[in-house]
Protein backbone atom coordinates (compact mmCIF):
# COMPACT_ATOMS: atom_id res chain seq x y z
CA MET A 1 8.49 24.23 -11.17
CA LEU A 2 6.24 27.03 -9.86
CA SER A 3 6.45 25.80 -6.28
CA SER A 4 10.25 25.78 -6.57
CA ILE A 5 10.29 29.40 -7.70
CA GLN A 6 7.89 30.40 -4.89
CA HIS A 7 10.23 29.09 -2.19
CA PRO A 8 10.80 32.09 0.12
CA ALA A 9 14.58 31.68 -0.07
CA ARG A 10 14.37 32.18 -3.86
CA LEU A 11 11.62 34.81 -3.99
CA VAL A 12 13.48 37.37 -1.89
CA PRO A 13 16.61 37.64 -4.10
CA LEU A 14 14.49 37.45 -7.28
CA ALA A 15 12.36 40.33 -6.06
CA PHE A 16 15.43 42.42 -5.28
CA LEU A 17 16.92 41.62 -8.69
CA PHE A 18 13.71 42.71 -10.38
CA ALA A 19 13.66 46.00 -8.44
CA ILE A 20 17.31 46.64 -9.32
CA ALA A 21 16.65 45.97 -13.00
CA VAL A 22 13.66 48.33 -13.09
CA GLY A 23 15.57 50.97 -11.13
CA THR A 24 18.54 50.73 -13.50
CA ALA A 25 16.29 51.17 -16.52
CA LEU A 26 14.57 54.22 -14.99
CA LEU A 27 17.85 55.87 -14.00
CA MET A 28 19.18 55.44 -17.54
CA LEU A 29 16.31 57.51 -18.95
CA PRO A 30 17.15 61.16 -19.76
CA PHE A 31 14.67 62.55 -17.21
CA ALA A 32 16.74 61.10 -14.35
CA ARG A 33 19.87 63.13 -15.20
CA SER A 34 20.39 66.77 -14.34
CA ALA A 35 22.49 67.09 -17.49
CA ASP A 36 21.10 66.72 -21.02
CA ALA A 37 22.26 63.11 -21.37
CA SER A 38 21.49 59.61 -20.15
CA ALA A 39 23.39 57.96 -17.31
CA PRO A 40 25.83 55.20 -18.35
CA PHE A 41 24.72 51.66 -17.61
CA LEU A 42 27.28 51.01 -14.85
CA VAL A 43 26.46 54.27 -13.05
CA ALA A 44 22.72 53.53 -13.18
CA LEU A 45 23.23 49.90 -12.11
CA PHE A 46 25.51 50.84 -9.21
CA THR A 47 23.12 53.53 -7.97
CA ALA A 48 20.03 51.33 -8.31
CA THR A 49 21.73 48.45 -6.47
CA SER A 50 22.94 50.78 -3.73
CA ALA A 51 19.42 52.21 -3.33
CA VAL A 52 17.50 48.92 -3.40
CA CYS A 53 20.04 47.31 -1.06
CA VAL A 54 19.82 50.46 1.13
CA THR A 55 23.59 50.84 1.11
CA GLY A 56 24.35 54.44 0.19
CA LEU A 57 27.63 53.98 -1.68
CA ILE A 58 27.76 56.27 -4.70
CA VAL A 59 29.92 56.72 -7.79
CA VAL A 60 28.45 60.13 -8.69
CA ASP A 61 27.34 63.09 -6.60
CA THR A 62 23.65 62.53 -5.86
CA PRO A 63 22.41 66.18 -5.67
CA THR A 64 24.26 67.39 -8.78
CA TYR A 65 24.29 64.32 -11.07
CA TRP A 66 20.66 63.27 -10.68
CA SER A 67 17.65 65.47 -11.39
CA THR A 68 14.85 65.87 -8.90
CA SER A 69 12.99 63.11 -10.75
CA GLY A 70 16.06 60.89 -10.63
CA GLN A 71 16.37 61.51 -6.91
CA GLY A 72 12.70 60.58 -6.59
CA VAL A 73 13.42 57.24 -8.30
CA ILE A 74 16.31 56.65 -5.90
CA LEU A 75 14.05 57.45 -2.94
CA LEU A 76 11.41 55.00 -4.17
CA LEU A 77 14.02 52.28 -4.58
CA ILE A 78 15.28 52.96 -1.05
CA GLN A 79 11.77 52.62 0.35
CA LEU A 80 11.14 49.37 -1.51
CA GLY A 81 14.48 47.93 -0.48
CA GLY A 82 14.10 48.96 3.14
CA LEU A 83 10.70 47.40 3.60
CA GLY A 84 11.60 44.31 1.61
CA ILE A 85 9.92 43.61 -1.71
CA MET A 86 7.92 40.64 -0.51
CA THR A 87 6.95 42.34 2.75
CA GLY A 88 5.58 45.28 0.79
CA ALA A 89 3.71 43.04 -1.61
CA THR A 90 2.23 41.04 1.25
CA MET A 91 1.15 44.20 3.07
CA LEU A 92 -0.68 45.44 0.01
CA GLY A 93 -2.37 42.08 -0.34
CA LEU A 94 -3.35 42.22 3.34
CA LEU A 95 -4.81 45.71 3.05
CA VAL A 96 -6.82 44.77 -0.06
CA THR A 97 -8.09 41.30 0.79
CA ARG A 98 -7.94 41.50 4.62
CA ARG A 99 -6.50 38.04 4.82
CA LEU A 100 -3.49 36.05 3.70
CA ARG A 101 -3.26 32.64 2.14
CA LEU A 102 -0.88 30.18 3.80
CA ASN A 103 1.83 30.43 1.16
CA ARG A 104 1.77 34.23 1.39
CA ARG A 105 2.15 34.00 5.15
CA LEU A 106 5.18 31.75 4.77
CA ILE A 107 6.78 34.17 2.32
CA ALA A 108 6.15 37.10 4.64
CA GLN A 109 7.51 35.15 7.59
CA ALA A 110 10.79 34.56 5.75
CA GLU A 111 11.28 38.31 5.36
CA THR A 112 9.99 39.50 8.74
CA LYS A 113 11.42 36.62 10.80
CA THR A 114 8.23 36.40 12.88
CA LEU A 115 7.95 33.39 15.13
CA SER A 116 4.45 32.23 14.33
CA LEU A 117 2.11 32.40 11.39
CA GLY A 118 -0.62 33.94 13.49
CA ASP A 119 1.50 37.04 14.13
CA VAL A 120 2.33 37.86 10.50
CA SER A 121 -0.72 40.03 9.80
CA SER A 122 -0.11 42.10 12.92
CA VAL A 123 3.59 42.48 12.14
CA LEU A 124 2.89 43.62 8.59
CA ARG A 125 0.40 46.20 9.81
CA LEU A 126 2.96 47.40 12.33
CA ILE A 127 5.59 47.71 9.59
CA LEU A 128 3.33 49.96 7.55
CA ILE A 129 2.23 52.09 10.49
CA THR A 130 5.72 52.40 11.99
CA THR A 131 7.25 53.31 8.65
CA ALA A 132 4.65 55.98 7.93
CA VAL A 133 4.69 57.51 11.41
CA VAL A 134 8.46 57.58 11.89
CA GLU A 135 9.20 58.89 8.42
CA LEU A 136 6.53 61.61 8.67
CA VAL A 137 7.62 62.76 12.13
CA ILE A 138 11.33 62.83 11.26
CA ALA A 139 10.62 64.49 7.90
CA ALA A 140 8.59 67.22 9.60
CA SER A 141 11.28 67.76 12.23
CA LEU A 142 14.04 68.05 9.64
CA ALA A 143 11.97 70.24 7.32
CA LEU A 144 11.26 72.71 10.13
CA ARG A 145 14.96 72.86 10.98
CA PHE A 146 16.02 73.31 7.36
CA HIS A 147 13.42 76.03 6.82
CA PHE A 148 13.80 78.08 9.99
CA GLY A 149 17.41 77.25 10.84
CA TYR A 150 18.99 77.40 7.38
CA ASP A 151 16.55 79.65 5.51
CA GLN A 152 15.72 77.02 2.91
CA PRO A 153 12.56 77.72 0.88
CA LEU A 154 9.62 75.76 2.25
CA ARG A 155 9.34 73.45 -0.76
CA GLU A 156 13.07 72.68 -0.69
CA ALA A 157 13.02 72.15 3.07
CA LEU A 158 10.09 69.72 2.77
CA TRP A 159 11.85 67.76 0.03
CA ASN A 160 15.13 67.63 1.97
CA GLY A 161 13.29 66.60 5.12
CA ALA A 162 11.41 63.79 3.37
CA PHE A 163 14.46 62.56 1.46
CA HIS A 164 16.74 62.36 4.49
CA SER A 165 13.99 60.93 6.71
CA ILE A 166 13.30 58.03 4.35
CA SER A 167 17.00 57.51 3.76
CA ALA A 168 17.69 57.43 7.52
CA PHE A 169 14.79 55.17 8.51
CA ASN A 170 15.76 52.70 5.79
CA ASN A 171 19.42 52.90 6.85
CA ALA A 172 20.41 53.95 3.33
CA GLY A 173 22.66 56.95 3.89
CA PHE A 174 21.88 58.76 0.63
CA ALA A 175 22.03 62.54 1.14
CA ARG A 176 21.15 65.58 -0.95
CA TYR A 177 24.33 67.40 0.02
CA ALA A 178 27.72 66.94 -1.64
CA ASP A 179 29.41 66.54 1.77
CA ASN A 180 26.64 64.25 3.06
CA VAL A 181 25.78 65.78 6.48
CA ILE A 182 29.21 67.13 7.42
CA GLY A 183 27.74 70.62 7.22
CA PHE A 184 25.46 69.73 10.17
CA ALA A 185 28.17 68.14 12.33
CA LEU A 186 27.43 70.46 15.27
CA ASP A 187 23.66 70.65 14.84
CA PRO A 188 21.79 68.25 17.18
CA LEU A 189 18.46 69.30 15.67
CA VAL A 190 19.53 67.58 12.44
CA LEU A 191 21.73 64.75 13.66
CA VAL A 192 19.55 63.55 16.56
CA PRO A 193 16.40 63.01 14.42
CA LEU A 194 18.54 61.15 11.90
CA MET A 195 19.94 58.94 14.68
CA VAL A 196 16.46 58.22 16.03
CA ALA A 197 15.25 57.17 12.58
CA VAL A 198 18.33 54.99 12.01
CA VAL A 199 17.93 53.17 15.33
CA ILE A 200 14.17 52.57 14.97
CA GLY A 201 14.58 51.32 11.41
CA GLY A 202 17.62 49.21 12.14
CA ILE A 203 16.64 47.54 15.39
CA GLY A 204 14.24 45.15 13.66
CA PHE A 205 10.46 44.98 13.41
CA PRO A 206 10.13 41.80 15.53
CA VAL A 207 11.68 43.74 18.41
CA ILE A 208 9.41 46.75 17.80
CA TYR A 209 6.41 44.42 17.62
CA GLU A 210 7.29 42.84 20.95
CA LEU A 211 8.07 46.14 22.67
CA ARG A 212 4.70 47.47 21.56
CA ARG A 213 3.03 44.72 23.55
CA GLU A 214 5.43 44.28 26.48
CA LEU A 215 7.35 47.56 26.72
CA PHE A 216 7.26 47.70 30.52
CA ALA A 217 7.57 43.96 31.11
CA PRO A 218 11.17 43.05 30.20
CA ASP A 219 10.83 39.73 32.00
CA LYS A 220 8.39 38.71 29.24
CA TRP A 221 10.65 39.70 26.37
CA SER A 222 11.87 36.94 24.08
CA LEU A 223 15.52 35.96 24.01
CA HIS A 224 15.82 37.59 20.58
CA THR A 225 14.62 40.95 21.89
CA LYS A 226 16.85 40.82 24.97
CA ILE A 227 19.98 39.97 23.01
CA THR A 228 19.21 42.57 20.33
CA LEU A 229 18.59 45.45 22.74
CA LEU A 230 21.51 44.63 25.04
CA GLY A 231 23.88 43.99 22.14
CA TYR A 232 22.80 47.14 20.34
CA ALA A 233 23.39 49.25 23.46
CA ILE A 234 26.81 47.70 24.16
CA LEU A 235 28.03 48.27 20.62
CA LEU A 236 26.76 51.86 20.52
CA ILE A 237 28.58 52.71 23.75
CA LEU A 238 31.79 51.00 22.62
CA GLY A 239 31.60 52.88 19.33
CA VAL A 240 31.26 56.25 21.06
CA VAL A 241 34.15 55.51 23.43
CA ALA A 242 36.39 54.32 20.58
CA VAL A 243 35.71 57.35 18.35
CA LEU A 244 36.28 59.76 21.24
CA GLY A 245 39.45 57.98 22.27
CA PHE A 246 41.04 57.79 18.82
CA GLU A 247 39.76 61.04 17.28
CA TRP A 248 39.75 63.39 20.28
CA SER A 249 42.82 65.34 19.20
CA ASN A 250 42.61 64.73 15.45
CA PRO A 251 42.35 68.28 13.99
CA LYS A 252 40.70 66.92 10.82
CA THR A 253 37.79 65.29 12.66
CA LEU A 254 36.92 65.93 16.34
CA GLY A 255 39.93 68.02 17.30
CA ALA A 256 38.36 71.40 16.56
CA PHE A 257 35.05 70.67 18.34
CA ASP A 258 34.09 71.51 21.91
CA LEU A 259 32.99 68.77 24.31
CA GLY A 260 29.37 68.85 23.15
CA GLY A 261 30.38 68.69 19.51
CA LYS A 262 32.74 65.78 20.19
CA LEU A 263 30.03 63.80 21.97
CA LEU A 264 27.45 64.52 19.28
CA SER A 265 29.69 63.57 16.35
CA ALA A 266 31.09 60.48 18.10
CA SER A 267 27.56 59.31 18.92
CA PHE A 268 26.41 59.93 15.37
CA HIS A 269 29.32 57.96 13.89
CA SER A 270 28.70 55.07 16.28
CA VAL A 271 25.03 54.96 15.25
CA VAL A 272 25.55 55.25 11.50
CA THR A 273 28.23 52.55 11.36
CA ARG A 274 25.38 50.17 12.17
CA THR A 275 24.66 50.39 8.39
CA ALA A 276 23.10 53.85 8.05
CA GLY A 277 25.82 55.39 5.86
CA PHE A 278 25.53 59.06 6.75
CA ASN A 279 28.71 60.80 7.83
CA SER A 280 29.15 64.03 9.79
CA LEU A 281 32.94 63.55 9.82
CA ASP A 282 35.33 63.10 6.90
CA ILE A 283 35.91 59.33 6.88
CA ALA A 284 39.08 59.65 4.81
CA GLN A 285 40.67 61.80 7.58
CA MET A 286 40.01 59.33 10.40
CA ARG A 287 42.85 57.50 12.09
CA PRO A 288 43.46 53.84 11.10
CA GLU A 289 42.34 52.73 14.57
CA THR A 290 38.96 54.40 14.10
CA LEU A 291 38.54 52.84 10.66
CA PHE A 292 39.30 49.42 12.14
CA VAL A 293 36.68 49.86 14.87
CA SER A 294 34.25 51.07 12.21
CA ASP A 295 34.97 47.90 10.18
CA PHE A 296 34.01 45.84 13.23
CA LEU A 297 30.78 47.76 13.87
CA MET A 298 29.77 47.73 10.19
CA LEU A 299 30.28 43.97 9.92
CA ILE A 300 27.97 43.31 12.87
CA GLY A 301 25.29 45.72 11.66
CA GLY A 302 21.87 46.05 13.26
CA GLY A 303 18.88 43.96 14.27
CA SER A 304 17.35 41.11 12.32
CA ALA A 305 14.41 41.85 10.00
CA GLY A 306 15.04 45.57 10.12
CA THR A 307 16.44 47.91 7.50
CA ALA A 308 20.02 47.46 8.73
CA GLY A 309 22.54 45.08 7.17
CA GLY A 310 25.58 43.20 8.43
CA ILE A 311 25.61 39.75 9.96
CA LYS A 312 23.21 41.13 12.61
CA VAL A 313 23.59 41.76 16.33
CA THR A 314 21.98 38.47 17.33
CA THR A 315 24.34 36.44 15.12
CA PHE A 316 27.41 38.04 16.70
CA PHE A 317 26.28 37.80 20.31
CA LEU A 318 24.91 34.26 19.91
CA LEU A 319 28.35 33.15 18.80
CA GLY A 320 29.86 35.08 21.71
CA ILE A 321 27.57 33.19 24.09
CA VAL A 322 28.67 29.89 22.53
CA VAL A 323 32.35 30.79 22.93
CA TRP A 324 31.84 31.86 26.54
CA ALA A 325 30.03 28.61 27.36
CA GLU A 326 32.86 26.60 25.77
CA ILE A 327 35.50 28.53 27.74
CA ARG A 328 33.64 27.82 30.98
CA GLY A 329 33.16 24.17 30.07
CA GLU A 330 29.37 24.35 30.21
CA PRO A 331 27.47 21.61 28.35
CA ASP A 332 24.99 24.05 26.79
CA PRO A 333 25.30 27.74 25.84
CA THR A 334 22.63 29.68 27.74
CA ALA A 335 21.45 33.28 27.98
CA PHE A 336 18.77 34.83 30.19
CA GLY A 337 17.73 31.41 31.44
CA ARG A 338 17.32 29.95 27.97
CA ARG A 339 19.38 27.30 26.17
CA LEU A 340 20.48 27.93 22.58
CA SER A 341 19.55 25.16 20.18
CA SER A 342 22.26 23.54 18.07
CA ASP A 343 20.36 24.61 14.92
CA VAL A 344 20.66 28.28 15.85
CA GLN A 345 24.35 27.89 16.64
CA ARG A 346 25.06 26.31 13.26
CA GLN A 347 23.03 28.97 11.43
CA ALA A 348 24.91 31.79 13.16
CA LEU A 349 28.28 30.20 12.41
CA THR A 350 27.31 29.64 8.78
CA VAL A 351 26.22 33.26 8.30
CA LEU A 352 29.47 34.56 9.84
CA LEU A 353 31.79 32.33 7.83
CA LEU A 354 29.99 33.02 4.55
CA ALA A 355 30.17 36.76 5.29
CA LEU A 356 33.90 36.55 5.96
CA ALA A 357 34.36 34.56 2.75
CA ALA A 358 32.49 37.17 0.70
CA ILE A 359 34.42 40.05 2.27
CA SER A 360 37.77 38.31 1.83
CA THR A 361 37.06 37.53 -1.82
CA GLY A 362 35.86 41.06 -2.52
CA THR A 363 38.89 42.57 -0.79
CA LEU A 364 41.27 40.39 -2.79
CA ILE A 365 39.61 41.36 -6.08
CA LEU A 366 39.69 45.08 -5.29
CA LEU A 367 43.34 44.88 -4.26
CA SER A 368 44.15 43.23 -7.58
CA VAL A 369 42.36 45.79 -9.77
CA SER A 370 43.22 49.03 -7.91
CA GLN A 371 46.17 50.81 -6.32
CA PHE A 372 44.57 51.66 -2.98
CA ASP A 373 45.92 50.34 0.31
CA LEU A 374 44.43 47.47 2.30
CA SER A 375 42.82 49.67 4.96
CA ALA A 376 40.78 51.68 2.44
CA ILE A 377 39.88 48.61 0.39
CA LEU A 378 38.78 46.60 3.42
CA PHE A 379 36.67 49.49 4.69
CA GLU A 380 34.95 49.84 1.31
CA THR A 381 34.37 46.09 0.99
CA ILE A 382 32.81 45.73 4.43
CA SER A 383 30.74 48.86 3.86
CA ALA A 384 29.35 47.35 0.65
CA PHE A 385 28.69 43.88 2.04
CA ALA A 386 27.14 45.19 5.26
CA THR A 387 25.08 47.69 3.19
CA VAL A 388 26.45 50.60 5.21
CA GLY A 389 27.43 53.17 2.60
CA LEU A 390 30.26 54.87 4.47
CA SER A 391 33.26 55.47 2.25
CA THR A 392 36.81 56.77 2.39
CA GLY A 393 36.11 58.30 -1.02
CA ILE A 394 37.65 55.66 -3.26
CA THR A 395 34.48 54.18 -4.78
CA PRO A 396 34.19 56.63 -7.72
CA ALA A 397 37.89 56.09 -8.49
CA LEU A 398 37.65 52.30 -8.69
CA PRO A 399 37.84 50.74 -12.17
CA PRO A 400 34.67 49.20 -13.64
CA GLY A 401 35.68 45.76 -12.40
CA GLY A 402 36.04 47.11 -8.87
CA GLN A 403 32.67 48.83 -8.96
CA ALA A 404 31.07 45.66 -10.33
CA THR A 405 32.56 43.78 -7.38
CA LEU A 406 30.95 46.23 -4.96
CA ILE A 407 27.61 45.77 -6.76
CA VAL A 408 27.79 42.03 -6.18
CA LEU A 409 28.80 42.53 -2.54
CA MET A 410 25.90 44.91 -1.91
CA PHE A 411 23.42 42.44 -3.36
CA ILE A 412 24.86 39.47 -1.47
CA GLY A 413 25.01 41.45 1.74
CA ARG A 414 21.40 42.56 1.51
CA VAL A 415 19.70 39.31 0.49
CA GLY A 416 22.38 36.77 1.33
CA THR A 417 21.78 36.54 5.07
CA ILE A 418 18.00 36.43 4.53
CA THR A 419 18.36 33.69 1.92
CA VAL A 420 20.84 31.59 3.88
CA ALA A 421 18.97 31.87 7.18
CA THR A 422 15.64 31.05 5.54
CA ALA A 423 17.03 28.10 3.61
CA LEU A 424 18.69 26.68 6.71
CA ALA A 425 15.55 27.10 8.78
CA LEU A 426 13.23 25.51 6.20
CA GLN A 427 15.45 22.67 5.04
CA ARG A 428 16.10 20.33 7.89
CA GLY A 429 17.07 17.07 6.30
CA ARG A 430 17.00 13.88 8.35
CA ARG A 431 19.26 10.92 7.62
CA PRO A 432 18.01 7.46 8.62
CA PHE A 433 21.45 6.82 10.10
CA ARG A 434 24.34 8.62 11.84
CA TYR A 435 28.05 8.17 11.19
CA PRO A 436 30.40 7.13 14.00
CA GLN A 437 31.71 10.10 15.98
CA GLU A 438 35.36 11.11 16.02
CA ARG A 439 37.10 14.11 17.60
CA PRO A 440 39.83 15.78 15.49
CA ILE A 441 42.39 17.95 17.30
CA VAL A 442 41.29 21.60 17.56
CA GLY A 443 43.82 24.37 18.12
């Protein structure tokens, strides 16, 4: 019984559920509210789930509804969710005991997606160091800007810098301003540090680990690193081009900005749709074409084993490689001189189809319990499942059943891909026989 519970595919969702339960309980205590009352259960549960799953969707205004202590709880939940509960626990065990037992290494490997057991200790150390360094540097940068550029008191500037740094690095998108970061839409000294933190946190620790060793030797990079970096760059550029093209003359978004402002805001939106959740533009005022492109970028998400969500860049581009090989009639899908195994192809297809099933079901439920149109509902559903946090503003107006649906989607989106991929990788059943082959008509 114990060994069944300790299976990595079960431990990860159980750990997230435990963190959500504790976070909900803490946020329901009077100290977490700015008002002299306790938060309702659904509000606390939604906020805790959004924080632990590093999503950023909210049903109440973060800076006014929650007290400083409540915001501190949210920040702690974001940090735990971003690192991964089991990764954090394993790191602490590593720092205390200086070594890991085999079962602990397997659990850590399921969360970090490292390729060999011998690398786990180094990866976990890198996670801790990278997290601390990036968050401290970005926090200091933002605090200096808030203090000297916006005349915020030093203590407030430090708190705002730390809050937004942790939120950005963990791709959460929680902000301490009612308009998120729209007030800084033309300020590169705020938006650029946020973008840097989002990219570093979302690109995936296996990639960071490999770049640390082979930064100037791309010929030695693994296929995972090559696909992640190339795919990430392609999607970022396409996002910038799409936002500029569709929003250039929209007076409610980019229309009033000069060229520099347009480029900055378009770049920021392209970055944050990779599951960060901040917004420097009013999402509700964007054209339907931009929302559709954003849906596409949010669904794909960021790198594997990072703080980003979505189906992941590698999943999307691996399937693209398979399709391209089939179109060309090649016997095996290949990339960068490497052949993709059939196991990886099936795992990628499974993750994509399950994601589409979850999004379709969630969209159907929200359409049935609310009066909002399909575009807004689909955007909100994908944002929840991909743990993005961007919103057209309808989340607080959804009925309890709709908000509960988003809670389930956030949880599935955060731990679902980890659970499915781990289970598929660890359970490779072998039949002593094979059925006769037959080819049904396709298309």
